[in-house]
Amino acid sequence: GRFTISRDNAKNTVYLQMNSLKPDDTAVYYCAAGQPYLSCSKFNM
């Protein structure tokens, strides 16, 4: 309800639109690539 992920394959770019940000959102944000249809977790990217 606050964040929206999208991708533009023609530009090889993924976006994360973040709205209604809260102090708890403070962090270093990383993007990562993994095999499709596997669990999208930090352990298998």
ModelCIF file with pLDDT and N, C-alpha, C, O atoms, coordinates in Angstrom:
data_MODEL
#
_entry.id   MODEL 
#
_entity.id                         1 
_entity.type                       polymer 
_entity.pdbx_number_of_molecules   1 
#
_entity_poly.entity_id                      1 
_entity_poly.type                           'polypeptide(L)' 
_entity_poly.nstd_linkage                   no 
_entity_poly.nstd_monomer                   no 
_entity_poly.pdbx_seq_one_letter_code       GRFTISRDNAKNTVYLQMNSLKPDDTAVYYCAAGQPYLSCSKFNM 
_entity_poly.pdbx_seq_one_letter_code_can   GRFTISRDNAKNTVYLQMNSLKPDDTAVYYCAAGQPYLSCSKFNM 
_entity_poly.pdbx_strand_id                 A 
#
loop_
_entity_poly_seq.entity_id 
_entity_poly_seq.num 
_entity_poly_seq.mon_id 
_entity_poly_seq.hetero 
1 1  GLY n 
1 2  ARG n 
1 3  PHE n 
1 4  THR n 
1 5  ILE n 
1 6  SER n 
1 7  ARG n 
1 8  ASP n 
1 9  ASN n 
1 10 ALA n 
1 11 LYS n 
1 12 ASN n 
1 13 THR n 
1 14 VAL n 
1 15 TYR n 
1 16 LEU n 
1 17 GLN n 
1 18 MET n 
1 19 ASN n 
1 20 SER n 
1 21 LEU n 
1 22 LYS n 
1 23 PRO n 
1 24 ASP n 
1 25 ASP n 
1 26 THR n 
1 27 ALA n 
1 28 VAL n 
1 29 TYR n 
1 30 TYR n 
1 31 CYS n 
1 32 ALA n 
1 33 ALA n 
1 34 GLY n 
1 35 GLN n 
1 36 PRO n 
1 37 TYR n 
1 38 LEU n 
1 39 SER n 
1 40 CYS n 
1 41 SER n 
1 42 LYS n 
1 43 PHE n 
1 44 ASN n 
1 45 MET n 
#
_struct_asym.id          A 
_struct_asym.entity_id   1 
#
loop_
_ma_qa_metric.id 
_ma_qa_metric.mode 
_ma_qa_metric.name 
_ma_qa_metric.software_group_id 
_ma_qa_metric.type 
1 global pLDDT . pLDDT 
2 local  pLDDT . pLDDT 
#
_ma_qa_metric_global.metric_id      1 
_ma_qa_metric_global.metric_value   94.64 
_ma_qa_metric_global.model_id       1 
_ma_qa_metric_global.ordinal_id     1 
#
loop_
_ma_qa_metric_local.label_asym_id 
_ma_qa_metric_local.label_comp_id 
_ma_qa_metric_local.label_seq_id 
_ma_qa_metric_local.metric_id 
_ma_qa_metric_local.metric_value 
_ma_qa_metric_local.model_id 
_ma_qa_metric_local.ordinal_id 
A GLY 1  2 97.00 1 1  
A ARG 2  2 98.00 1 2  
A PHE 3  2 98.00 1 3  
A THR 4  2 97.00 1 4  
A ILE 5  2 96.00 1 5  
A SER 6  2 95.00 1 6  
A ARG 7  2 93.00 1 7  
A ASP 8  2 93.00 1 8  
A ASN 9  2 91.00 1 9  
A ALA 10 2 93.00 1 10 
A LYS 11 2 96.00 1 11 
A ASN 12 2 96.00 1 12 
A THR 13 2 97.00 1 13 
A VAL 14 2 97.00 1 14 
A TYR 15 2 97.00 1 15 
A LEU 16 2 98.00 1 16 
A GLN 17 2 98.00 1 17 
A MET 18 2 98.00 1 18 
A ASN 19 2 98.00 1 19 
A SER 20 2 98.00 1 20 
A LEU 21 2 98.00 1 21 
A LYS 22 2 97.00 1 22 
A PRO 23 2 97.00 1 23 
A ASP 24 2 96.00 1 24 
A ASP 25 2 98.00 1 25 
A THR 26 2 98.00 1 26 
A ALA 27 2 98.00 1 27 
A VAL 28 2 98.00 1 28 
A TYR 29 2 98.00 1 29 
A TYR 30 2 98.00 1 30 
A CYS 31 2 98.00 1 31 
A ALA 32 2 97.00 1 32 
A ALA 33 2 97.00 1 33 
A GLY 34 2 95.00 1 34 
A GLN 35 2 91.00 1 35 
A PRO 36 2 85.00 1 36 
A TYR 37 2 76.00 1 37 
A LEU 38 2 83.00 1 38 
A SER 39 2 84.00 1 39 
A CYS 40 2 89.00 1 40 
A SER 41 2 91.00 1 41 
A LYS 42 2 93.00 1 42 
A PHE 43 2 94.00 1 43 
A ASN 44 2 90.00 1 44 
A MET 45 2 96.00 1 45 
#
loop_
_atom_site.group_PDB 
_atom_site.id 
_atom_site.type_symbol 
_atom_site.label_atom_id 
_atom_site.label_alt_id 
_atom_site.label_comp_id 
_atom_site.label_asym_id 
_atom_site.label_entity_id 
_atom_site.label_seq_id 
_atom_site.pdbx_PDB_ins_code 
_atom_site.Cartn_x 
_atom_site.Cartn_y 
_atom_site.Cartn_z 
_atom_site.occupancy 
_atom_site.B_iso_or_equiv 
_atom_site.pdbx_formal_charge 
_atom_site.auth_seq_id 
_atom_site.auth_comp_id 
_atom_site.auth_asym_id 
_atom_site.auth_atom_id 
_atom_site.pdbx_PDB_model_num 
ATOM 1   N N  . GLY A 1 1  ? 0.785  -1.221  0.000   1.00 97.00 ? 1  GLY A N  1 
ATOM 2   C CA . GLY A 1 1  ? 0.000  0.000   0.000   1.00 97.00 ? 1  GLY A CA 1 
ATOM 3   C C  . GLY A 1 1  ? 0.815  1.266   0.000   1.00 97.00 ? 1  GLY A C  1 
ATOM 4   O O  . GLY A 1 1  ? 0.262  2.348   -0.200  1.00 97.00 ? 1  GLY A O  1 
ATOM 5   N N  . ARG A 1 2  ? 2.110  1.172   0.218   1.00 98.00 ? 2  ARG A N  1 
ATOM 6   C CA . ARG A 1 2  ? 2.976  2.343   0.244   1.00 98.00 ? 2  ARG A CA 1 
ATOM 7   C C  . ARG A 1 2  ? 4.043  2.315   -0.851  1.00 98.00 ? 2  ARG A C  1 
ATOM 8   O O  . ARG A 1 2  ? 4.388  3.351   -1.419  1.00 98.00 ? 2  ARG A O  1 
ATOM 9   N N  . PHE A 1 3  ? 4.554  1.136   -1.137  1.00 98.00 ? 3  PHE A N  1 
ATOM 10  C CA . PHE A 1 3  ? 5.637  0.991   -2.106  1.00 98.00 ? 3  PHE A CA 1 
ATOM 11  C C  . PHE A 1 3  ? 5.112  0.319   -3.369  1.00 98.00 ? 3  PHE A C  1 
ATOM 12  O O  . PHE A 1 3  ? 4.193  -0.498  -3.323  1.00 98.00 ? 3  PHE A O  1 
ATOM 13  N N  . THR A 1 4  ? 5.713  0.678   -4.490  1.00 97.00 ? 4  THR A N  1 
ATOM 14  C CA . THR A 1 4  ? 5.368  0.065   -5.763  1.00 97.00 ? 4  THR A CA 1 
ATOM 15  C C  . THR A 1 4  ? 6.645  -0.280  -6.511  1.00 97.00 ? 4  THR A C  1 
ATOM 16  O O  . THR A 1 4  ? 7.497  0.580   -6.735  1.00 97.00 ? 4  THR A O  1 
ATOM 17  N N  . ILE A 1 5  ? 6.769  -1.535  -6.891  1.00 96.00 ? 5  ILE A N  1 
ATOM 18  C CA . ILE A 1 5  ? 7.914  -1.970  -7.676  1.00 96.00 ? 5  ILE A CA 1 
ATOM 19  C C  . ILE A 1 5  ? 7.500  -2.076  -9.136  1.00 96.00 ? 5  ILE A C  1 
ATOM 20  O O  . ILE A 1 5  ? 6.373  -2.463  -9.443  1.00 96.00 ? 5  ILE A O  1 
ATOM 21  N N  . SER A 1 6  ? 8.404  -1.735  -10.021 1.00 95.00 ? 6  SER A N  1 
ATOM 22  C CA . SER A 1 6  ? 8.144  -1.845  -11.446 1.00 95.00 ? 6  SER A CA 1 
ATOM 23  C C  . SER A 1 6  ? 9.461  -2.079  -12.166 1.00 95.00 ? 6  SER A C  1 
ATOM 24  O O  . SER A 1 6  ? 10.535 -1.856  -11.608 1.00 95.00 ? 6  SER A O  1 
ATOM 25  N N  . ARG A 1 7  ? 9.369  -2.529  -13.403 1.00 93.00 ? 7  ARG A N  1 
ATOM 26  C CA . ARG A 1 7  ? 10.584 -2.724  -14.183 1.00 93.00 ? 7  ARG A CA 1 
ATOM 27  C C  . ARG A 1 7  ? 10.364 -2.284  -15.612 1.00 93.00 ? 7  ARG A C  1 
ATOM 28  O O  . ARG A 1 7  ? 9.264  -2.385  -16.155 1.00 93.00 ? 7  ARG A O  1 
ATOM 29  N N  . ASP A 1 8  ? 11.424 -1.798  -16.202 1.00 93.00 ? 8  ASP A N  1 
ATOM 30  C CA . ASP A 1 8  ? 11.441 -1.402  -17.597 1.00 93.00 ? 8  ASP A CA 1 
ATOM 31  C C  . ASP A 1 8  ? 12.548 -2.217  -18.249 1.00 93.00 ? 8  ASP A C  1 
ATOM 32  O O  . ASP A 1 8  ? 13.722 -1.851  -18.179 1.00 93.00 ? 8  ASP A O  1 
ATOM 33  N N  . ASN A 1 9  ? 12.176 -3.307  -18.872 1.00 91.00 ? 9  ASN A N  1 
ATOM 34  C CA . ASN A 1 9  ? 13.177 -4.201  -19.441 1.00 91.00 ? 9  ASN A CA 1 
ATOM 35  C C  . ASN A 1 9  ? 13.961 -3.549  -20.577 1.00 91.00 ? 9  ASN A C  1 
ATOM 36  O O  . ASN A 1 9  ? 15.128 -3.876  -20.793 1.00 91.00 ? 9  ASN A O  1 
ATOM 37  N N  . ALA A 1 10 ? 13.332 -2.636  -21.299 1.00 93.00 ? 10 ALA A N  1 
ATOM 38  C CA . ALA A 1 10 ? 14.029 -1.944  -22.377 1.00 93.00 ? 10 ALA A CA 1 
ATOM 39  C C  . ALA A 1 10 ? 15.173 -1.092  -21.848 1.00 93.00 ? 10 ALA A C  1 
ATOM 40  O O  . ALA A 1 10 ? 16.155 -0.858  -22.553 1.00 93.00 ? 10 ALA A O  1 
ATOM 41  N N  . LYS A 1 11 ? 15.050 -0.630  -20.618 1.00 96.00 ? 11 LYS A N  1 
ATOM 42  C CA . LYS A 1 11 ? 16.082 0.189   -19.993 1.00 96.00 ? 11 LYS A CA 1 
ATOM 43  C C  . LYS A 1 11 ? 16.926 -0.582  -18.996 1.00 96.00 ? 11 LYS A C  1 
ATOM 44  O O  . LYS A 1 11 ? 17.816 -0.009  -18.367 1.00 96.00 ? 11 LYS A O  1 
ATOM 45  N N  . ASN A 1 12 ? 16.664 -1.864  -18.844 1.00 96.00 ? 12 ASN A N  1 
ATOM 46  C CA . ASN A 1 12 ? 17.365 -2.681  -17.847 1.00 96.00 ? 12 ASN A CA 1 
ATOM 47  C C  . ASN A 1 12 ? 17.334 -2.024  -16.467 1.00 96.00 ? 12 ASN A C  1 
ATOM 48  O O  . ASN A 1 12 ? 18.348 -1.955  -15.773 1.00 96.00 ? 12 ASN A O  1 
ATOM 49  N N  . THR A 1 13 ? 16.171 -1.552  -16.093 1.00 97.00 ? 13 THR A N  1 
ATOM 50  C CA . THR A 1 13 ? 16.038 -0.799  -14.859 1.00 97.00 ? 13 THR A CA 1 
ATOM 51  C C  . THR A 1 13 ? 14.809 -1.247  -14.083 1.00 97.00 ? 13 THR A C  1 
ATOM 52  O O  . THR A 1 13 ? 13.754 -1.511  -14.659 1.00 97.00 ? 13 THR A O  1 
ATOM 53  N N  . VAL A 1 14 ? 14.963 -1.328  -12.779 1.00 97.00 ? 14 VAL A N  1 
ATOM 54  C CA . VAL A 1 14 ? 13.868 -1.601  -11.856 1.00 97.00 ? 14 VAL A CA 1 
ATOM 55  C C  . VAL A 1 14 ? 13.730 -0.417  -10.918 1.00 97.00 ? 14 VAL A C  1 
ATOM 56  O O  . VAL A 1 14 ? 14.721 0.197   -10.519 1.00 97.00 ? 14 VAL A O  1 
ATOM 57  N N  . TYR A 1 15 ? 12.493 -0.104  -10.571 1.00 97.00 ? 15 TYR A N  1 
ATOM 58  C CA . TYR A 1 15 ? 12.206 1.033   -9.723  1.00 97.00 ? 15 TYR A CA 1 
ATOM 59  C C  . TYR A 1 15 ? 11.482 0.591   -8.464  1.00 97.00 ? 15 TYR A C  1 
ATOM 60  O O  . TYR A 1 15 ? 10.790 -0.426  -8.445  1.00 97.00 ? 15 TYR A O  1 
ATOM 61  N N  . LEU A 1 16 ? 11.655 1.369   -7.431  1.00 98.00 ? 16 LEU A N  1 
ATOM 62  C CA . LEU A 1 16 ? 10.864 1.210   -6.224  1.00 98.00 ? 16 LEU A CA 1 
ATOM 63  C C  . LEU A 1 16 ? 10.349 2.584   -5.828  1.00 98.00 ? 16 LEU A C  1 
ATOM 64  O O  . LEU A 1 16 ? 11.099 3.417   -5.319  1.00 98.00 ? 16 LEU A O  1 
ATOM 65  N N  . GLN A 1 17 ? 9.080  2.810   -6.062  1.00 98.00 ? 17 GLN A N  1 
ATOM 66  C CA . GLN A 1 17 ? 8.439  4.042   -5.635  1.00 98.00 ? 17 GLN A CA 1 
ATOM 67  C C  . GLN A 1 17 ? 8.002  3.877   -4.191  1.00 98.00 ? 17 GLN A C  1 
ATOM 68  O O  . GLN A 1 17 ? 7.233  2.972   -3.868  1.00 98.00 ? 17 GLN A O  1 
ATOM 69  N N  . MET A 1 18 ? 8.486  4.741   -3.335  1.00 98.00 ? 18 MET A N  1 
ATOM 70  C CA . MET A 1 18 ? 8.212  4.660   -1.911  1.00 98.00 ? 18 MET A CA 1 
ATOM 71  C C  . MET A 1 18 ? 7.455  5.908   -1.485  1.00 98.00 ? 18 MET A C  1 
ATOM 72  O O  . MET A 1 18 ? 7.965  7.023   -1.588  1.00 98.00 ? 18 MET A O  1 
ATOM 73  N N  . ASN A 1 19 ? 6.251  5.711   -1.014  1.00 98.00 ? 19 ASN A N  1 
ATOM 74  C CA . ASN A 1 19 ? 5.406  6.794   -0.540  1.00 98.00 ? 19 ASN A CA 1 
ATOM 75  C C  . ASN A 1 19 ? 5.110  6.614   0.940   1.00 98.00 ? 19 ASN A C  1 
ATOM 76  O O  . ASN A 1 19 ? 5.307  5.538   1.504   1.00 98.00 ? 19 ASN A O  1 
ATOM 77  N N  . SER A 1 20 ? 4.638  7.675   1.548   1.00 98.00 ? 20 SER A N  1 
ATOM 78  C CA . SER A 1 20 ? 4.272  7.645   2.970   1.00 98.00 ? 20 SER A CA 1 
ATOM 79  C C  . SER A 1 20 ? 5.384  7.051   3.820   1.00 98.00 ? 20 SER A C  1 
ATOM 80  O O  . SER A 1 20 ? 5.151  6.168   4.645   1.00 98.00 ? 20 SER A O  1 
ATOM 81  N N  . LEU A 1 21 ? 6.570  7.538   3.610   1.00 98.00 ? 21 LEU A N  1 
ATOM 82  C CA . LEU A 1 21 ? 7.729  6.969   4.281   1.00 98.00 ? 21 LEU A CA 1 
ATOM 83  C C  . LEU A 1 21 ? 7.684  7.216   5.781   1.00 98.00 ? 21 LEU A C  1 
ATOM 84  O O  . LEU A 1 21 ? 7.214  8.252   6.253   1.00 98.00 ? 21 LEU A O  1 
ATOM 85  N N  . LYS A 1 22 ? 8.182  6.245   6.501   1.00 97.00 ? 22 LYS A N  1 
ATOM 86  C CA . LYS A 1 22 ? 8.220  6.261   7.951   1.00 97.00 ? 22 LYS A CA 1 
ATOM 87  C C  . LYS A 1 22 ? 9.662  6.176   8.426   1.00 97.00 ? 22 LYS A C  1 
ATOM 88  O O  . LYS A 1 22 ? 10.524 5.691   7.695   1.00 97.00 ? 22 LYS A O  1 
ATOM 89  N N  . PRO A 1 23 ? 9.935  6.639   9.635   1.00 97.00 ? 23 PRO A N  1 
ATOM 90  C CA . PRO A 1 23 ? 11.294 6.496   10.158  1.00 97.00 ? 23 PRO A CA 1 
ATOM 91  C C  . PRO A 1 23 ? 11.800 5.054   10.135  1.00 97.00 ? 23 PRO A C  1 
ATOM 92  O O  . PRO A 1 23 ? 12.995 4.823   9.950   1.00 97.00 ? 23 PRO A O  1 
ATOM 93  N N  . ASP A 1 24 ? 10.907 4.085   10.320  1.00 96.00 ? 24 ASP A N  1 
ATOM 94  C CA . ASP A 1 24 ? 11.316 2.682   10.288  1.00 96.00 ? 24 ASP A CA 1 
ATOM 95  C C  . ASP A 1 24 ? 11.745 2.215   8.908   1.00 96.00 ? 24 ASP A C  1 
ATOM 96  O O  . ASP A 1 24 ? 12.298 1.124   8.770   1.00 96.00 ? 24 ASP A O  1 
ATOM 97  N N  . ASP A 1 25 ? 11.500 3.017   7.890   1.00 98.00 ? 25 ASP A N  1 
ATOM 98  C CA . ASP A 1 25 ? 11.976 2.689   6.553   1.00 98.00 ? 25 ASP A CA 1 
ATOM 99  C C  . ASP A 1 25 ? 13.443 3.044   6.355   1.00 98.00 ? 25 ASP A C  1 
ATOM 100 O O  . ASP A 1 25 ? 14.035 2.687   5.336   1.00 98.00 ? 25 ASP A O  1 
ATOM 101 N N  . THR A 1 26 ? 14.025 3.734   7.307   1.00 98.00 ? 26 THR A N  1 
ATOM 102 C CA . THR A 1 26 ? 15.426 4.125   7.205   1.00 98.00 ? 26 THR A CA 1 
ATOM 103 C C  . THR A 1 26 ? 16.313 2.893   7.114   1.00 98.00 ? 26 THR A C  1 
ATOM 104 O O  . THR A 1 26 ? 16.267 2.021   7.981   1.00 98.00 ? 26 THR A O  1 
ATOM 105 N N  . ALA A 1 27 ? 17.108 2.825   6.073   1.00 98.00 ? 27 ALA A N  1 
ATOM 106 C CA . ALA A 1 27 ? 17.960 1.666   5.836   1.00 98.00 ? 27 ALA A CA 1 
ATOM 107 C C  . ALA A 1 27 ? 18.781 1.912   4.586   1.00 98.00 ? 27 ALA A C  1 
ATOM 108 O O  . ALA A 1 27 ? 18.532 2.851   3.830   1.00 98.00 ? 27 ALA A O  1 
ATOM 109 N N  . VAL A 1 28 ? 19.758 1.056   4.387   1.00 98.00 ? 28 VAL A N  1 
ATOM 110 C CA . VAL A 1 28 ? 20.405 0.960   3.094   1.00 98.00 ? 28 VAL A CA 1 
ATOM 111 C C  . VAL A 1 28 ? 19.572 0.016   2.242   1.00 98.00 ? 28 VAL A C  1 
ATOM 112 O O  . VAL A 1 28 ? 19.274 -1.106  2.651   1.00 98.00 ? 28 VAL A O  1 
ATOM 113 N N  . TYR A 1 29 ? 19.205 0.472   1.074   1.00 98.00 ? 29 TYR A N  1 
ATOM 114 C CA . TYR A 1 29 ? 18.378 -0.311  0.168   1.00 98.00 ? 29 TYR A CA 1 
ATOM 115 C C  . TYR A 1 29 ? 19.235 -0.897  -0.941  1.00 98.00 ? 29 TYR A C  1 
ATOM 116 O O  . TYR A 1 29 ? 20.019 -0.193  -1.577  1.00 98.00 ? 29 TYR A O  1 
ATOM 117 N N  . TYR A 1 30 ? 19.075 -2.183  -1.161  1.00 98.00 ? 30 TYR A N  1 
ATOM 118 C CA . TYR A 1 30 ? 19.831 -2.914  -2.158  1.00 98.00 ? 30 TYR A CA 1 
ATOM 119 C C  . TYR A 1 30 ? 18.895 -3.515  -3.192  1.00 98.00 ? 30 TYR A C  1 
ATOM 120 O O  . TYR A 1 30 ? 17.795 -3.960  -2.861  1.00 98.00 ? 30 TYR A O  1 
ATOM 121 N N  . CYS A 1 31 ? 19.327 -3.528  -4.429  1.00 98.00 ? 31 CYS A N  1 
ATOM 122 C CA . CYS A 1 31 ? 18.638 -4.350  -5.408  1.00 98.00 ? 31 CYS A CA 1 
ATOM 123 C C  . CYS A 1 31 ? 19.485 -5.575  -5.712  1.00 98.00 ? 31 CYS A C  1 
ATOM 124 O O  . CYS A 1 31 ? 20.710 -5.550  -5.596  1.00 98.00 ? 31 CYS A O  1 
ATOM 125 N N  . ALA A 1 32 ? 18.816 -6.632  -6.098  1.00 97.00 ? 32 ALA A N  1 
ATOM 126 C CA . ALA A 1 32 ? 19.487 -7.893  -6.358  1.00 97.00 ? 32 ALA A CA 1 
ATOM 127 C C  . ALA A 1 32 ? 18.719 -8.673  -7.409  1.00 97.00 ? 32 ALA A C  1 
ATOM 128 O O  . ALA A 1 32 ? 17.508 -8.513  -7.556  1.00 97.00 ? 32 ALA A O  1 
ATOM 129 N N  . ALA A 1 33 ? 19.428 -9.513  -8.132  1.00 97.00 ? 33 ALA A N  1 
ATOM 130 C CA . ALA A 1 33 ? 18.851 -10.319 -9.198  1.00 97.00 ? 33 ALA A CA 1 
ATOM 131 C C  . ALA A 1 33 ? 18.969 -11.794 -8.864  1.00 97.00 ? 33 ALA A C  1 
ATOM 132 O O  . ALA A 1 33 ? 20.005 -12.250 -8.380  1.00 97.00 ? 33 ALA A O  1 
ATOM 133 N N  . GLY A 1 34 ? 17.901 -12.536 -9.126  1.00 95.00 ? 34 GLY A N  1 
ATOM 134 C CA . GLY A 1 34 ? 17.887 -13.962 -8.871  1.00 95.00 ? 34 GLY A CA 1 
ATOM 135 C C  . GLY A 1 34 ? 17.102 -14.712 -9.927  1.00 95.00 ? 34 GLY A C  1 
ATOM 136 O O  . GLY A 1 34 ? 16.400 -14.115 -10.743 1.00 95.00 ? 34 GLY A O  1 
ATOM 137 N N  . GLN A 1 35 ? 17.228 -16.012 -9.899  1.00 91.00 ? 35 GLN A N  1 
ATOM 138 C CA . GLN A 1 35 ? 16.527 -16.858 -10.855 1.00 91.00 ? 35 GLN A CA 1 
ATOM 139 C C  . GLN A 1 35 ? 15.020 -16.722 -10.686 1.00 91.00 ? 35 GLN A C  1 
ATOM 140 O O  . GLN A 1 35 ? 14.516 -16.727 -9.563  1.00 91.00 ? 35 GLN A O  1 
ATOM 141 N N  . PRO A 1 36 ? 14.305 -16.600 -11.791 1.00 85.00 ? 36 PRO A N  1 
ATOM 142 C CA . PRO A 1 36 ? 12.848 -16.475 -11.665 1.00 85.00 ? 36 PRO A CA 1 
ATOM 143 C C  . PRO A 1 36 ? 12.210 -17.738 -11.112 1.00 85.00 ? 36 PRO A C  1 
ATOM 144 O O  . PRO A 1 36 ? 12.693 -18.848 -11.339 1.00 85.00 ? 36 PRO A O  1 
ATOM 145 N N  . TYR A 1 37 ? 11.133 -17.554 -10.394 1.00 76.00 ? 37 TYR A N  1 
ATOM 146 C CA . TYR A 1 37 ? 10.314 -18.623 -9.840  1.00 76.00 ? 37 TYR A CA 1 
ATOM 147 C C  . TYR A 1 37 ? 10.961 -19.355 -8.679  1.00 76.00 ? 37 TYR A C  1 
ATOM 148 O O  . TYR A 1 37 ? 10.387 -20.309 -8.154  1.00 76.00 ? 37 TYR A O  1 
ATOM 149 N N  . LEU A 1 38 ? 12.134 -18.928 -8.275  1.00 83.00 ? 38 LEU A N  1 
ATOM 150 C CA . LEU A 1 38 ? 12.690 -19.341 -7.009  1.00 83.00 ? 38 LEU A CA 1 
ATOM 151 C C  . LEU A 1 38 ? 12.242 -18.360 -5.936  1.00 83.00 ? 38 LEU A C  1 
ATOM 152 O O  . LEU A 1 38 ? 11.739 -17.278 -6.239  1.00 83.00 ? 38 LEU A O  1 
ATOM 153 N N  . SER A 1 39 ? 12.425 -18.741 -4.704  1.00 84.00 ? 39 SER A N  1 
ATOM 154 C CA . SER A 1 39 ? 12.097 -17.840 -3.613  1.00 84.00 ? 39 SER A CA 1 
ATOM 155 C C  . SER A 1 39 ? 12.951 -16.578 -3.715  1.00 84.00 ? 39 SER A C  1 
ATOM 156 O O  . SER A 1 39 ? 14.178 -16.647 -3.773  1.00 84.00 ? 39 SER A O  1 
ATOM 157 N N  . CYS A 1 40 ? 12.294 -15.447 -3.735  1.00 89.00 ? 40 CYS A N  1 
ATOM 158 C CA . CYS A 1 40 ? 12.996 -14.169 -3.864  1.00 89.00 ? 40 CYS A CA 1 
ATOM 159 C C  . CYS A 1 40 ? 13.449 -13.726 -2.476  1.00 89.00 ? 40 CYS A C  1 
ATOM 160 O O  . CYS A 1 40 ? 12.850 -12.848 -1.855  1.00 89.00 ? 40 CYS A O  1 
ATOM 161 N N  . SER A 1 41 ? 14.505 -14.349 -2.016  1.00 91.00 ? 41 SER A N  1 
ATOM 162 C CA . SER A 1 41 ? 15.015 -14.077 -0.684  1.00 91.00 ? 41 SER A CA 1 
ATOM 163 C C  . SER A 1 41 ? 16.485 -13.708 -0.759  1.00 91.00 ? 41 SER A C  1 
ATOM 164 O O  . SER A 1 41 ? 17.154 -13.941 -1.766  1.00 91.00 ? 41 SER A O  1 
ATOM 165 N N  . LYS A 1 42 ? 16.967 -13.132 0.322   1.00 93.00 ? 42 LYS A N  1 
ATOM 166 C CA . LYS A 1 42 ? 18.364 -12.720 0.376   1.00 93.00 ? 42 LYS A CA 1 
ATOM 167 C C  . LYS A 1 42 ? 19.332 -13.886 0.279   1.00 93.00 ? 42 LYS A C  1 
ATOM 168 O O  . LYS A 1 42 ? 20.520 -13.684 0.024   1.00 93.00 ? 42 LYS A O  1 
ATOM 169 N N  . PHE A 1 43 ? 18.844 -15.094 0.476   1.00 94.00 ? 43 PHE A N  1 
ATOM 170 C CA . PHE A 1 43 ? 19.703 -16.266 0.488   1.00 94.00 ? 43 PHE A CA 1 
ATOM 171 C C  . PHE A 1 43 ? 19.962 -16.866 -0.881  1.00 94.00 ? 43 PHE A C  1 
ATOM 172 O O  . PHE A 1 43 ? 20.879 -17.673 -1.032  1.00 94.00 ? 43 PHE A O  1 
ATOM 173 N N  . ASN A 1 44 ? 19.186 -16.496 -1.874  1.00 90.00 ? 44 ASN A N  1 
ATOM 174 C CA . ASN A 1 44 ? 19.369 -17.123 -3.178  1.00 90.00 ? 44 ASN A CA 1 
ATOM 175 C C  . ASN A 1 44 ? 19.481 -16.140 -4.330  1.00 90.00 ? 44 ASN A C  1 
ATOM 176 O O  . ASN A 1 44 ? 19.336 -16.537 -5.487  1.00 90.00 ? 44 ASN A O  1 
ATOM 177 N N  . MET A 1 45 ? 19.732 -14.889 -4.051  1.00 96.00 ? 45 MET A N  1 
ATOM 178 C CA . MET A 1 45 ? 19.955 -13.929 -5.121  1.00 96.00 ? 45 MET A CA 1 
ATOM 179 C C  . MET A 1 45 ? 21.379 -14.080 -5.651  1.00 96.00 ? 45 MET A C  1 
ATOM 180 O O  . MET A 1 45 ? 21.778 -13.358 -6.565  1.00 96.00 ? 45 MET A O  1 
#
